[in-house]
Amino acid sequence: NFQETSDSKPIRRELINDIYRKVSKT
């Protein structure tokens, strides 16, 4: 459970997957 903030990108499925996708590659 994450707290949303007004000054950051909303946490959505695509963002979570993109985090893992990038970390797995680099």
mmCIF file of all heavy atoms, coordinates in Angstrom:
data_MODEL
# 
_entry.id   MODEL 
# 
loop_
_atom_site.group_PDB 
_atom_site.id 
_atom_site.type_symbol 
_atom_site.label_atom_id 
_atom_site.label_alt_id 
_atom_site.label_comp_id 
_atom_site.label_asym_id 
_atom_site.label_entity_id 
_atom_site.label_seq_id 
_atom_site.pdbx_PDB_ins_code 
_atom_site.Cartn_x 
_atom_site.Cartn_y 
_atom_site.Cartn_z 
_atom_site.occupancy 
_atom_site.B_iso_or_equiv 
_atom_site.pdbx_formal_charge 
_atom_site.auth_seq_id 
_atom_site.auth_comp_id 
_atom_site.auth_asym_id 
_atom_site.auth_atom_id 
_atom_site.pdbx_PDB_model_num 
ATOM 1   N N   . ASN A 1 1  ? 0.841  -1.192 0.000   1.00 0.00 ? 1  ASN A N   1 
ATOM 2   C CA  . ASN A 1 1  ? 0.000  0.000  0.000   1.00 0.00 ? 1  ASN A CA  1 
ATOM 3   C C   . ASN A 1 1  ? 0.879  1.246  0.000   1.00 0.00 ? 1  ASN A C   1 
ATOM 4   O O   . ASN A 1 1  ? 1.688  1.446  0.916   1.00 0.00 ? 1  ASN A O   1 
ATOM 5   C CB  . ASN A 1 1  ? -0.910 0.000  1.228   1.00 0.00 ? 1  ASN A CB  1 
ATOM 6   C CG  . ASN A 1 1  ? -1.992 -1.065 1.119   1.00 0.00 ? 1  ASN A CG  1 
ATOM 7   O OD1 . ASN A 1 1  ? -2.798 -1.034 0.201   1.00 0.00 ? 1  ASN A OD1 1 
ATOM 8   N ND2 . ASN A 1 1  ? -1.994 -2.011 2.047   1.00 0.00 ? 1  ASN A ND2 1 
ATOM 9   N N   . PHE A 1 2  ? 0.728  2.056  -1.043  1.00 0.00 ? 2  PHE A N   1 
ATOM 10  C CA  . PHE A 1 2  ? 1.541  3.259  -1.218  1.00 0.00 ? 2  PHE A CA  1 
ATOM 11  C C   . PHE A 1 2  ? 0.689  4.510  -1.039  1.00 0.00 ? 2  PHE A C   1 
ATOM 12  O O   . PHE A 1 2  ? -0.477 4.548  -1.449  1.00 0.00 ? 2  PHE A O   1 
ATOM 13  C CB  . PHE A 1 2  ? 2.147  3.313  -2.629  1.00 0.00 ? 2  PHE A CB  1 
ATOM 14  C CG  . PHE A 1 2  ? 3.074  2.177  -2.952  1.00 0.00 ? 2  PHE A CG  1 
ATOM 15  C CD1 . PHE A 1 2  ? 2.607  1.046  -3.607  1.00 0.00 ? 2  PHE A CD1 1 
ATOM 16  C CD2 . PHE A 1 2  ? 4.424  2.238  -2.619  1.00 0.00 ? 2  PHE A CD2 1 
ATOM 17  C CE1 . PHE A 1 2  ? 3.461  0.005  -3.922  1.00 0.00 ? 2  PHE A CE1 1 
ATOM 18  C CE2 . PHE A 1 2  ? 5.282  1.197  -2.928  1.00 0.00 ? 2  PHE A CE2 1 
ATOM 19  C CZ  . PHE A 1 2  ? 4.806  0.077  -3.586  1.00 0.00 ? 2  PHE A CZ  1 
ATOM 20  N N   . GLN A 1 3  ? 1.280  5.538  -0.465  1.00 0.00 ? 3  GLN A N   1 
ATOM 21  C CA  . GLN A 1 3  ? 0.605  6.824  -0.392  1.00 0.00 ? 3  GLN A CA  1 
ATOM 22  C C   . GLN A 1 3  ? 0.872  7.598  -1.668  1.00 0.00 ? 3  GLN A C   1 
ATOM 23  O O   . GLN A 1 3  ? 2.024  7.766  -2.083  1.00 0.00 ? 3  GLN A O   1 
ATOM 24  C CB  . GLN A 1 3  ? 1.084  7.631  0.812   1.00 0.00 ? 3  GLN A CB  1 
ATOM 25  C CG  . GLN A 1 3  ? 0.362  8.970  0.953   1.00 0.00 ? 3  GLN A CG  1 
ATOM 26  C CD  . GLN A 1 3  ? 0.744  9.701  2.226   1.00 0.00 ? 3  GLN A CD  1 
ATOM 27  O OE1 . GLN A 1 3  ? 1.429  9.159  3.075   1.00 0.00 ? 3  GLN A OE1 1 
ATOM 28  N NE2 . GLN A 1 3  ? 0.279  10.943 2.352   1.00 0.00 ? 3  GLN A NE2 1 
ATOM 29  N N   . GLU A 1 4  ? -0.199 8.043  -2.300  1.00 0.00 ? 4  GLU A N   1 
ATOM 30  C CA  . GLU A 1 4  ? -0.070 8.879  -3.488  1.00 0.00 ? 4  GLU A CA  1 
ATOM 31  C C   . GLU A 1 4  ? 0.320  10.294 -3.073  1.00 0.00 ? 4  GLU A C   1 
ATOM 32  O O   . GLU A 1 4  ? -0.061 10.767 -1.991  1.00 0.00 ? 4  GLU A O   1 
ATOM 33  C CB  . GLU A 1 4  ? -1.382 8.918  -4.267  1.00 0.00 ? 4  GLU A CB  1 
ATOM 34  C CG  . GLU A 1 4  ? -1.789 7.585  -4.889  1.00 0.00 ? 4  GLU A CG  1 
ATOM 35  C CD  . GLU A 1 4  ? -1.009 7.264  -6.155  1.00 0.00 ? 4  GLU A CD  1 
ATOM 36  O OE1 . GLU A 1 4  ? -0.129 8.060  -6.536  1.00 0.00 ? 4  GLU A OE1 1 
ATOM 37  O OE2 . GLU A 1 4  ? -1.283 6.209  -6.768  1.00 0.00 ? 4  GLU A OE2 1 
ATOM 38  N N   . THR A 1 5  ? 1.083  10.960 -3.912  1.00 0.00 ? 5  THR A N   1 
ATOM 39  C CA  . THR A 1 5  ? 1.436  12.359 -3.667  1.00 0.00 ? 5  THR A CA  1 
ATOM 40  C C   . THR A 1 5  ? 1.068  13.183 -4.892  1.00 0.00 ? 5  THR A C   1 
ATOM 41  O O   . THR A 1 5  ? 1.042  12.663 -6.017  1.00 0.00 ? 5  THR A O   1 
ATOM 42  C CB  . THR A 1 5  ? 2.942  12.517 -3.373  1.00 0.00 ? 5  THR A CB  1 
ATOM 43  O OG1 . THR A 1 5  ? 3.698  12.091 -4.505  1.00 0.00 ? 5  THR A OG1 1 
ATOM 44  C CG2 . THR A 1 5  ? 3.341  11.694 -2.155  1.00 0.00 ? 5  THR A CG2 1 
ATOM 45  N N   . SER A 1 6  ? 0.813  14.461 -4.671  1.00 0.00 ? 6  SER A N   1 
ATOM 46  C CA  . SER A 1 6  ? 0.361  15.324 -5.767  1.00 0.00 ? 6  SER A CA  1 
ATOM 47  C C   . SER A 1 6  ? 1.472  15.666 -6.741  1.00 0.00 ? 6  SER A C   1 
ATOM 48  O O   . SER A 1 6  ? 1.216  16.054 -7.880  1.00 0.00 ? 6  SER A O   1 
ATOM 49  C CB  . SER A 1 6  ? -0.234 16.618 -5.189  1.00 0.00 ? 6  SER A CB  1 
ATOM 50  O OG  . SER A 1 6  ? 0.737  17.297 -4.406  1.00 0.00 ? 6  SER A OG  1 
ATOM 51  N N   . ASP A 1 7  ? 2.739  15.524 -6.282  1.00 0.00 ? 7  ASP A N   1 
ATOM 52  C CA  . ASP A 1 7  ? 3.846  15.953 -7.133  1.00 0.00 ? 7  ASP A CA  1 
ATOM 53  C C   . ASP A 1 7  ? 4.582  14.784 -7.796  1.00 0.00 ? 7  ASP A C   1 
ATOM 54  O O   . ASP A 1 7  ? 5.710  14.928 -8.252  1.00 0.00 ? 7  ASP A O   1 
ATOM 55  C CB  . ASP A 1 7  ? 4.840  16.776 -6.310  1.00 0.00 ? 7  ASP A CB  1 
ATOM 56  C CG  . ASP A 1 7  ? 5.394  15.993 -5.129  1.00 0.00 ? 7  ASP A CG  1 
ATOM 57  O OD1 . ASP A 1 7  ? 4.837  14.916 -4.826  1.00 0.00 ? 7  ASP A OD1 1 
ATOM 58  O OD2 . ASP A 1 7  ? 6.379  16.462 -4.518  1.00 0.00 ? 7  ASP A OD2 1 
ATOM 59  N N   . SER A 1 8  ? 3.951  13.631 -7.841  1.00 0.00 ? 8  SER A N   1 
ATOM 60  C CA  . SER A 1 8  ? 4.599  12.480 -8.470  1.00 0.00 ? 8  SER A CA  1 
ATOM 61  C C   . SER A 1 8  ? 3.619  11.747 -9.370  1.00 0.00 ? 8  SER A C   1 
ATOM 62  O O   . SER A 1 8  ? 2.393  11.945 -9.293  1.00 0.00 ? 8  SER A O   1 
ATOM 63  C CB  . SER A 1 8  ? 5.150  11.519 -7.411  1.00 0.00 ? 8  SER A CB  1 
ATOM 64  O OG  . SER A 1 8  ? 4.106  11.005 -6.612  1.00 0.00 ? 8  SER A OG  1 
ATOM 65  N N   . LYS A 1 9  ? 4.146  10.912 -10.213 1.00 0.00 ? 9  LYS A N   1 
ATOM 66  C CA  . LYS A 1 9  ? 3.327  10.149 -11.153 1.00 0.00 ? 9  LYS A CA  1 
ATOM 67  C C   . LYS A 1 9  ? 2.410  9.181  -10.397 1.00 0.00 ? 9  LYS A C   1 
ATOM 68  O O   . LYS A 1 9  ? 2.853  8.511  -9.455  1.00 0.00 ? 9  LYS A O   1 
ATOM 69  C CB  . LYS A 1 9  ? 4.239  9.371  -12.094 1.00 0.00 ? 9  LYS A CB  1 
ATOM 70  C CG  . LYS A 1 9  ? 3.515  8.623  -13.208 1.00 0.00 ? 9  LYS A CG  1 
ATOM 71  C CD  . LYS A 1 9  ? 4.482  7.779  -14.036 1.00 0.00 ? 9  LYS A CD  1 
ATOM 72  C CE  . LYS A 1 9  ? 5.557  8.631  -14.677 1.00 0.00 ? 9  LYS A CE  1 
ATOM 73  N NZ  . LYS A 1 9  ? 6.426  7.818  -15.573 1.00 0.00 ? 9  LYS A NZ  1 
ATOM 74  N N   . PRO A 1 10 ? 1.137  9.099  -10.750 1.00 0.00 ? 10 PRO A N   1 
ATOM 75  C CA  . PRO A 1 10 ? 0.237  8.159  -10.077 1.00 0.00 ? 10 PRO A CA  1 
ATOM 76  C C   . PRO A 1 10 ? 0.760  6.727  -10.197 1.00 0.00 ? 10 PRO A C   1 
ATOM 77  O O   . PRO A 1 10 ? 1.347  6.342  -11.216 1.00 0.00 ? 10 PRO A O   1 
ATOM 78  C CB  . PRO A 1 10 ? -1.089 8.333  -10.825 1.00 0.00 ? 10 PRO A CB  1 
ATOM 79  C CG  . PRO A 1 10 ? -1.004 9.678  -11.456 1.00 0.00 ? 10 PRO A CG  1 
ATOM 80  C CD  . PRO A 1 10 ? 0.443  9.885  -11.785 1.00 0.00 ? 10 PRO A CD  1 
ATOM 81  N N   . ILE A 1 11 ? 0.561  5.949  -9.156  1.00 0.00 ? 11 ILE A N   1 
ATOM 82  C CA  . ILE A 1 11 ? 1.045  4.566  -9.149  1.00 0.00 ? 11 ILE A CA  1 
ATOM 83  C C   . ILE A 1 11 ? -0.010 3.684  -9.800  1.00 0.00 ? 11 ILE A C   1 
ATOM 84  O O   . ILE A 1 11 ? -1.100 3.464  -9.247  1.00 0.00 ? 11 ILE A O   1 
ATOM 85  C CB  . ILE A 1 11 ? 1.328  4.096  -7.707  1.00 0.00 ? 11 ILE A CB  1 
ATOM 86  C CG1 . ILE A 1 11 ? 2.357  5.015  -7.051  1.00 0.00 ? 11 ILE A CG1 1 
ATOM 87  C CG2 . ILE A 1 11 ? 1.826  2.653  -7.694  1.00 0.00 ? 11 ILE A CG2 1 
ATOM 88  C CD1 . ILE A 1 11 ? 2.552  4.751  -5.577  1.00 0.00 ? 11 ILE A CD1 1 
ATOM 89  N N   . ARG A 1 12 ? 0.317  3.201  -10.973 1.00 0.00 ? 12 ARG A N   1 
ATOM 90  C CA  . ARG A 1 12 ? -0.591 2.340  -11.713 1.00 0.00 ? 12 ARG A CA  1 
ATOM 91  C C   . ARG A 1 12 ? 0.148  1.085  -12.167 1.00 0.00 ? 12 ARG A C   1 
ATOM 92  O O   . ARG A 1 12 ? 1.369  0.997  -12.075 1.00 0.00 ? 12 ARG A O   1 
ATOM 93  C CB  . ARG A 1 12 ? -1.171 3.090  -12.931 1.00 0.00 ? 12 ARG A CB  1 
ATOM 94  C CG  . ARG A 1 12 ? -1.945 4.342  -12.587 1.00 0.00 ? 12 ARG A CG  1 
ATOM 95  C CD  . ARG A 1 12 ? -3.227 4.012  -11.816 1.00 0.00 ? 12 ARG A CD  1 
ATOM 96  N NE  . ARG A 1 12 ? -4.000 5.234  -11.518 1.00 0.00 ? 12 ARG A NE  1 
ATOM 97  C CZ  . ARG A 1 12 ? -3.912 5.925  -10.386 1.00 0.00 ? 12 ARG A CZ  1 
ATOM 98  N NH1 . ARG A 1 12 ? -3.058 5.522  -9.447  1.00 0.00 ? 12 ARG A NH1 1 
ATOM 99  N NH2 . ARG A 1 12 ? -4.649 6.998  -10.187 1.00 0.00 ? 12 ARG A NH2 1 
ATOM 100 N N   . ARG A 1 13 ? -0.603 0.135  -12.654 1.00 0.00 ? 13 ARG A N   1 
ATOM 101 C CA  . ARG A 1 13 ? -0.042 -1.145 -13.090 1.00 0.00 ? 13 ARG A CA  1 
ATOM 102 C C   . ARG A 1 13 ? 1.125  -0.948 -14.044 1.00 0.00 ? 13 ARG A C   1 
ATOM 103 O O   . ARG A 1 13 ? 2.162  -1.592 -13.930 1.00 0.00 ? 13 ARG A O   1 
ATOM 104 C CB  . ARG A 1 13 ? -1.145 -1.980 -13.753 1.00 0.00 ? 13 ARG A CB  1 
ATOM 105 C CG  . ARG A 1 13 ? -0.671 -3.269 -14.399 1.00 0.00 ? 13 ARG A CG  1 
ATOM 106 C CD  . ARG A 1 13 ? -1.837 -3.976 -15.082 1.00 0.00 ? 13 ARG A CD  1 
ATOM 107 N NE  . ARG A 1 13 ? -1.406 -5.240 -15.646 1.00 0.00 ? 13 ARG A NE  1 
ATOM 108 C CZ  . ARG A 1 13 ? -0.862 -5.391 -16.841 1.00 0.00 ? 13 ARG A CZ  1 
ATOM 109 N NH1 . ARG A 1 13 ? -0.660 -4.301 -17.595 1.00 0.00 ? 13 ARG A NH1 1 
ATOM 110 N NH2 . ARG A 1 13 ? -0.499 -6.569 -17.288 1.00 0.00 ? 13 ARG A NH2 1 
ATOM 111 N N   . GLU A 1 14 ? 0.986  -0.066 -15.003 1.00 0.00 ? 14 GLU A N   1 
ATOM 112 C CA  . GLU A 1 14 ? 2.019  0.141  -16.009 1.00 0.00 ? 14 GLU A CA  1 
ATOM 113 C C   . GLU A 1 14 ? 3.314  0.649  -15.378 1.00 0.00 ? 14 GLU A C   1 
ATOM 114 O O   . GLU A 1 14 ? 4.411  0.266  -15.786 1.00 0.00 ? 14 GLU A O   1 
ATOM 115 C CB  . GLU A 1 14 ? 1.538  1.140  -17.073 1.00 0.00 ? 14 GLU A CB  1 
ATOM 116 C CG  . GLU A 1 14 ? 0.377  0.638  -17.918 1.00 0.00 ? 14 GLU A CG  1 
ATOM 117 C CD  . GLU A 1 14 ? -0.961 0.662  -17.194 1.00 0.00 ? 14 GLU A CD  1 
ATOM 118 O OE1 . GLU A 1 14 ? -1.048 1.340  -16.126 1.00 0.00 ? 14 GLU A OE1 1 
ATOM 119 O OE2 . GLU A 1 14 ? -1.910 0.008  -17.665 1.00 0.00 ? 14 GLU A OE2 1 
ATOM 120 N N   . LEU A 1 15 ? 3.197  1.500  -14.360 1.00 0.00 ? 15 LEU A N   1 
ATOM 121 C CA  . LEU A 1 15 ? 4.385  2.027  -13.690 1.00 0.00 ? 15 LEU A CA  1 
ATOM 122 C C   . LEU A 1 15 ? 5.102  0.902  -12.922 1.00 0.00 ? 15 LEU A C   1 
ATOM 123 O O   . LEU A 1 15 ? 6.328  0.778  -13.001 1.00 0.00 ? 15 LEU A O   1 
ATOM 124 C CB  . LEU A 1 15 ? 3.997  3.160  -12.738 1.00 0.00 ? 15 LEU A CB  1 
ATOM 125 C CG  . LEU A 1 15 ? 5.138  3.716  -11.864 1.00 0.00 ? 15 LEU A CG  1 
ATOM 126 C CD1 . LEU A 1 15 ? 6.265  4.264  -12.730 1.00 0.00 ? 15 LEU A CD1 1 
ATOM 127 C CD2 . LEU A 1 15 ? 4.609  4.767  -10.907 1.00 0.00 ? 15 LEU A CD2 1 
ATOM 128 N N   . ILE A 1 16 ? 4.350  0.102  -12.185 1.00 0.00 ? 16 ILE A N   1 
ATOM 129 C CA  . ILE A 1 16 ? 4.945  -1.009 -11.432 1.00 0.00 ? 16 ILE A CA  1 
ATOM 130 C C   . ILE A 1 16 ? 5.694  -1.941 -12.368 1.00 0.00 ? 16 ILE A C   1 
ATOM 131 O O   . ILE A 1 16 ? 6.858  -2.314 -12.132 1.00 0.00 ? 16 ILE A O   1 
ATOM 132 C CB  . ILE A 1 16 ? 3.867  -1.779 -10.660 1.00 0.00 ? 16 ILE A CB  1 
ATOM 133 C CG1 . ILE A 1 16 ? 3.181  -0.888 -9.628  1.00 0.00 ? 16 ILE A CG1 1 
ATOM 134 C CG2 . ILE A 1 16 ? 4.469  -3.031 -10.008 1.00 0.00 ? 16 ILE A CG2 1 
ATOM 135 C CD1 . ILE A 1 16 ? 4.028  -0.515 -8.459  1.00 0.00 ? 16 ILE A CD1 1 
ATOM 136 N N   . ASN A 1 17 ? 5.045  -2.323 -13.446 1.00 0.00 ? 17 ASN A N   1 
ATOM 137 C CA  . ASN A 1 17 ? 5.684  -3.244 -14.390 1.00 0.00 ? 17 ASN A CA  1 
ATOM 138 C C   . ASN A 1 17 ? 6.904  -2.619 -15.052 1.00 0.00 ? 17 ASN A C   1 
ATOM 139 O O   . ASN A 1 17 ? 7.905  -3.305 -15.301 1.00 0.00 ? 17 ASN A O   1 
ATOM 140 C CB  . ASN A 1 17 ? 4.687  -3.677 -15.466 1.00 0.00 ? 17 ASN A CB  1 
ATOM 141 C CG  . ASN A 1 17 ? 3.750  -4.765 -14.981 1.00 0.00 ? 17 ASN A CG  1 
ATOM 142 O OD1 . ASN A 1 17 ? 3.984  -5.379 -13.938 1.00 0.00 ? 17 ASN A OD1 1 
ATOM 143 N ND2 . ASN A 1 17 ? 2.687  -5.015 -15.729 1.00 0.00 ? 17 ASN A ND2 1 
ATOM 144 N N   . ASP A 1 18 ? 6.833  -1.339 -15.319 1.00 0.00 ? 18 ASP A N   1 
ATOM 145 C CA  . ASP A 1 18 ? 7.975  -0.673 -15.948 1.00 0.00 ? 18 ASP A CA  1 
ATOM 146 C C   . ASP A 1 18 ? 9.182  -0.627 -15.011 1.00 0.00 ? 18 ASP A C   1 
ATOM 147 O O   . ASP A 1 18 ? 10.325 -0.746 -15.455 1.00 0.00 ? 18 ASP A O   1 
ATOM 148 C CB  . ASP A 1 18 ? 7.588  0.748  -16.373 1.00 0.00 ? 18 ASP A CB  1 
ATOM 149 C CG  . ASP A 1 18 ? 8.593  1.362  -17.336 1.00 0.00 ? 18 ASP A CG  1 
ATOM 150 O OD1 . ASP A 1 18 ? 8.956  0.684  -18.313 1.00 0.00 ? 18 ASP A OD1 1 
ATOM 151 O OD2 . ASP A 1 18 ? 9.029  2.501  -17.094 1.00 0.00 ? 18 ASP A OD2 1 
ATOM 152 N N   . ILE A 1 19 ? 8.916  -0.474 -13.720 1.00 0.00 ? 19 ILE A N   1 
ATOM 153 C CA  . ILE A 1 19 ? 10.008 -0.504 -12.741 1.00 0.00 ? 19 ILE A CA  1 
ATOM 154 C C   . ILE A 1 19 ? 10.726 -1.848 -12.807 1.00 0.00 ? 19 ILE A C   1 
ATOM 155 O O   . ILE A 1 19 ? 11.959 -1.918 -12.891 1.00 0.00 ? 19 ILE A O   1 
ATOM 156 C CB  . ILE A 1 19 ? 9.463  -0.246 -11.326 1.00 0.00 ? 19 ILE A CB  1 
ATOM 157 C CG1 . ILE A 1 19 ? 8.969  1.193  -11.192 1.00 0.00 ? 19 ILE A CG1 1 
ATOM 158 C CG2 . ILE A 1 19 ? 10.538 -0.545 -10.273 1.00 0.00 ? 19 ILE A CG2 1 
ATOM 159 C CD1 . ILE A 1 19 ? 8.188  1.458  -9.922  1.00 0.00 ? 19 ILE A CD1 1 
ATOM 160 N N   . TYR A 1 20 ? 9.949  -2.930 -12.775 1.00 0.00 ? 20 TYR A N   1 
ATOM 161 C CA  . TYR A 1 20 ? 10.558 -4.264 -12.817 1.00 0.00 ? 20 TYR A CA  1 
ATOM 162 C C   . TYR A 1 20 ? 11.231 -4.531 -14.154 1.00 0.00 ? 20 TYR A C   1 
ATOM 163 O O   . TYR A 1 20 ? 12.308 -5.132 -14.220 1.00 0.00 ? 20 TYR A O   1 
ATOM 164 C CB  . TYR A 1 20 ? 9.497  -5.320 -12.549 1.00 0.00 ? 20 TYR A CB  1 
ATOM 165 C CG  . TYR A 1 20 ? 9.095  -5.435 -11.103 1.00 0.00 ? 20 TYR A CG  1 
ATOM 166 C CD1 . TYR A 1 20 ? 7.783  -5.195 -10.702 1.00 0.00 ? 20 TYR A CD1 1 
ATOM 167 C CD2 . TYR A 1 20 ? 10.019 -5.798 -10.129 1.00 0.00 ? 20 TYR A CD2 1 
ATOM 168 C CE1 . TYR A 1 20 ? 7.404  -5.306 -9.378  1.00 0.00 ? 20 TYR A CE1 1 
ATOM 169 C CE2 . TYR A 1 20 ? 9.655  -5.916 -8.796  1.00 0.00 ? 20 TYR A CE2 1 
ATOM 170 C CZ  . TYR A 1 20 ? 8.346  -5.672 -8.424  1.00 0.00 ? 20 TYR A CZ  1 
ATOM 171 O OH  . TYR A 1 20 ? 7.979  -5.784 -7.107  1.00 0.00 ? 20 TYR A OH  1 
ATOM 172 N N   . ARG A 1 21 ? 10.596 -4.070 -15.225 1.00 0.00 ? 21 ARG A N   1 
ATOM 173 C CA  . ARG A 1 21 ? 11.158 -4.301 -16.562 1.00 0.00 ? 21 ARG A CA  1 
ATOM 174 C C   . ARG A 1 21 ? 12.538 -3.659 -16.688 1.00 0.00 ? 21 ARG A C   1 
ATOM 175 O O   . ARG A 1 21 ? 13.492 -4.284 -17.165 1.00 0.00 ? 21 ARG A O   1 
ATOM 176 C CB  . ARG A 1 21 ? 10.206 -3.733 -17.615 1.00 0.00 ? 21 ARG A CB  1 
ATOM 177 C CG  . ARG A 1 21 ? 10.612 -4.075 -19.061 1.00 0.00 ? 21 ARG A CG  1 
ATOM 178 C CD  . ARG A 1 21 ? 9.684  -3.403 -20.057 1.00 0.00 ? 21 ARG A CD  1 
ATOM 179 N NE  . ARG A 1 21 ? 8.326  -3.899 -19.970 1.00 0.00 ? 21 ARG A NE  1 
ATOM 180 C CZ  . ARG A 1 21 ? 7.286  -3.204 -19.493 1.00 0.00 ? 21 ARG A CZ  1 
ATOM 181 N NH1 . ARG A 1 21 ? 7.480  -1.960 -19.027 1.00 0.00 ? 21 ARG A NH1 1 
ATOM 182 N NH2 . ARG A 1 21 ? 6.085  -3.707 -19.463 1.00 0.00 ? 21 ARG A NH2 1 
ATOM 183 N N   . LYS A 1 22 ? 12.659 -2.425 -16.232 1.00 0.00 ? 22 LYS A N   1 
ATOM 184 C CA  . LYS A 1 22 ? 13.933 -1.715 -16.335 1.00 0.00 ? 22 LYS A CA  1 
ATOM 185 C C   . LYS A 1 22 ? 14.993 -2.314 -15.413 1.00 0.00 ? 22 LYS A C   1 
ATOM 186 O O   . LYS A 1 22 ? 16.152 -2.477 -15.814 1.00 0.00 ? 22 LYS A O   1 
ATOM 187 C CB  . LYS A 1 22 ? 13.728 -0.232 -16.023 1.00 0.00 ? 22 LYS A CB  1 
ATOM 188 C CG  . LYS A 1 22 ? 12.949 0.517  -17.100 1.00 0.00 ? 22 LYS A CG  1 
ATOM 189 C CD  . LYS A 1 22 ? 12.754 1.980  -16.728 1.00 0.00 ? 22 LYS A CD  1 
ATOM 190 C CE  . LYS A 1 22 ? 11.999 2.718  -17.827 1.00 0.00 ? 22 LYS A CE  1 
ATOM 191 N NZ  . LYS A 1 22 ? 11.743 4.150  -17.459 1.00 0.00 ? 22 LYS A NZ  1 
ATOM 192 N N   . VAL A 1 23 ? 14.610 -2.631 -14.184 1.00 0.00 ? 23 VAL A N   1 
ATOM 193 C CA  . VAL A 1 23 ? 15.573 -3.194 -13.239 1.00 0.00 ? 23 VAL A CA  1 
ATOM 194 C C   . VAL A 1 23 ? 16.083 -4.545 -13.720 1.00 0.00 ? 23 VAL A C   1 
ATOM 195 O O   . VAL A 1 23 ? 17.267 -4.863 -13.590 1.00 0.00 ? 23 VAL A O   1 
ATOM 196 C CB  . VAL A 1 23 ? 14.941 -3.319 -11.836 1.00 0.00 ? 23 VAL A CB  1 
ATOM 197 C CG1 . VAL A 1 23 ? 15.832 -4.145 -10.907 1.00 0.00 ? 23 VAL A CG1 1 
ATOM 198 C CG2 . VAL A 1 23 ? 14.702 -1.947 -11.233 1.00 0.00 ? 23 VAL A CG2 1 
ATOM 199 N N   . SER A 1 24 ? 15.199 -5.348 -14.312 1.00 0.00 ? 24 SER A N   1 
ATOM 200 C CA  . SER A 1 24 ? 15.618 -6.670 -14.791 1.00 0.00 ? 24 SER A CA  1 
ATOM 201 C C   . SER A 1 24 ? 16.620 -6.567 -15.940 1.00 0.00 ? 24 SER A C   1 
ATOM 202 O O   . SER A 1 24 ? 17.434 -7.471 -16.142 1.00 0.00 ? 24 SER A O   1 
ATOM 203 C CB  . SER A 1 24 ? 14.401 -7.480 -15.236 1.00 0.00 ? 24 SER A CB  1 
ATOM 204 O OG  . SER A 1 24 ? 13.821 -6.926 -16.409 1.00 0.00 ? 24 SER A OG  1 
ATOM 205 N N   . LYS A 1 25 ? 16.567 -5.469 -16.678 1.00 0.00 ? 25 LYS A N   1 
ATOM 206 C CA  . LYS A 1 25 ? 17.479 -5.307 -17.818 1.00 0.00 ? 25 LYS A CA  1 
ATOM 207 C C   . LYS A 1 25 ? 18.801 -4.654 -17.434 1.00 0.00 ? 25 LYS A C   1 
ATOM 208 O O   . LYS A 1 25 ? 19.826 -4.937 -18.062 1.00 0.00 ? 25 LYS A O   1 
ATOM 209 C CB  . LYS A 1 25 ? 16.795 -4.459 -18.903 1.00 0.00 ? 25 LYS A CB  1 
ATOM 210 C CG  . LYS A 1 25 ? 15.647 -5.174 -19.608 1.00 0.00 ? 25 LYS A CG  1 
ATOM 211 C CD  . LYS A 1 25 ? 15.033 -4.275 -20.661 1.00 0.00 ? 25 LYS A CD  1 
ATOM 212 C CE  . LYS A 1 25 ? 13.904 -4.978 -21.411 1.00 0.00 ? 25 LYS A CE  1 
ATOM 213 N NZ  . LYS A 1 25 ? 13.291 -4.079 -22.434 1.00 0.00 ? 25 LYS A NZ  1 
ATOM 214 N N   . THR A 1 26 ? 18.763 -3.804 -16.424 1.00 0.00 ? 26 THR A N   1 
ATOM 215 C CA  . THR A 1 26 ? 19.967 -3.008 -16.159 1.00 0.00 ? 26 THR A CA  1 
ATOM 216 C C   . THR A 1 26 ? 20.505 -3.086 -14.743 1.00 0.00 ? 26 THR A C   1 
ATOM 217 O O   . THR A 1 26 ? 21.679 -2.785 -14.514 1.00 0.00 ? 26 THR A O   1 
ATOM 218 C CB  . THR A 1 26 ? 19.692 -1.521 -16.471 1.00 0.00 ? 26 THR A CB  1 
ATOM 219 O OG1 . THR A 1 26 ? 18.637 -1.048 -15.603 1.00 0.00 ? 26 THR A OG1 1 
ATOM 220 C CG2 . THR A 1 26 ? 19.258 -1.340 -17.908 1.00 0.00 ? 26 THR A CG2 1 
# 
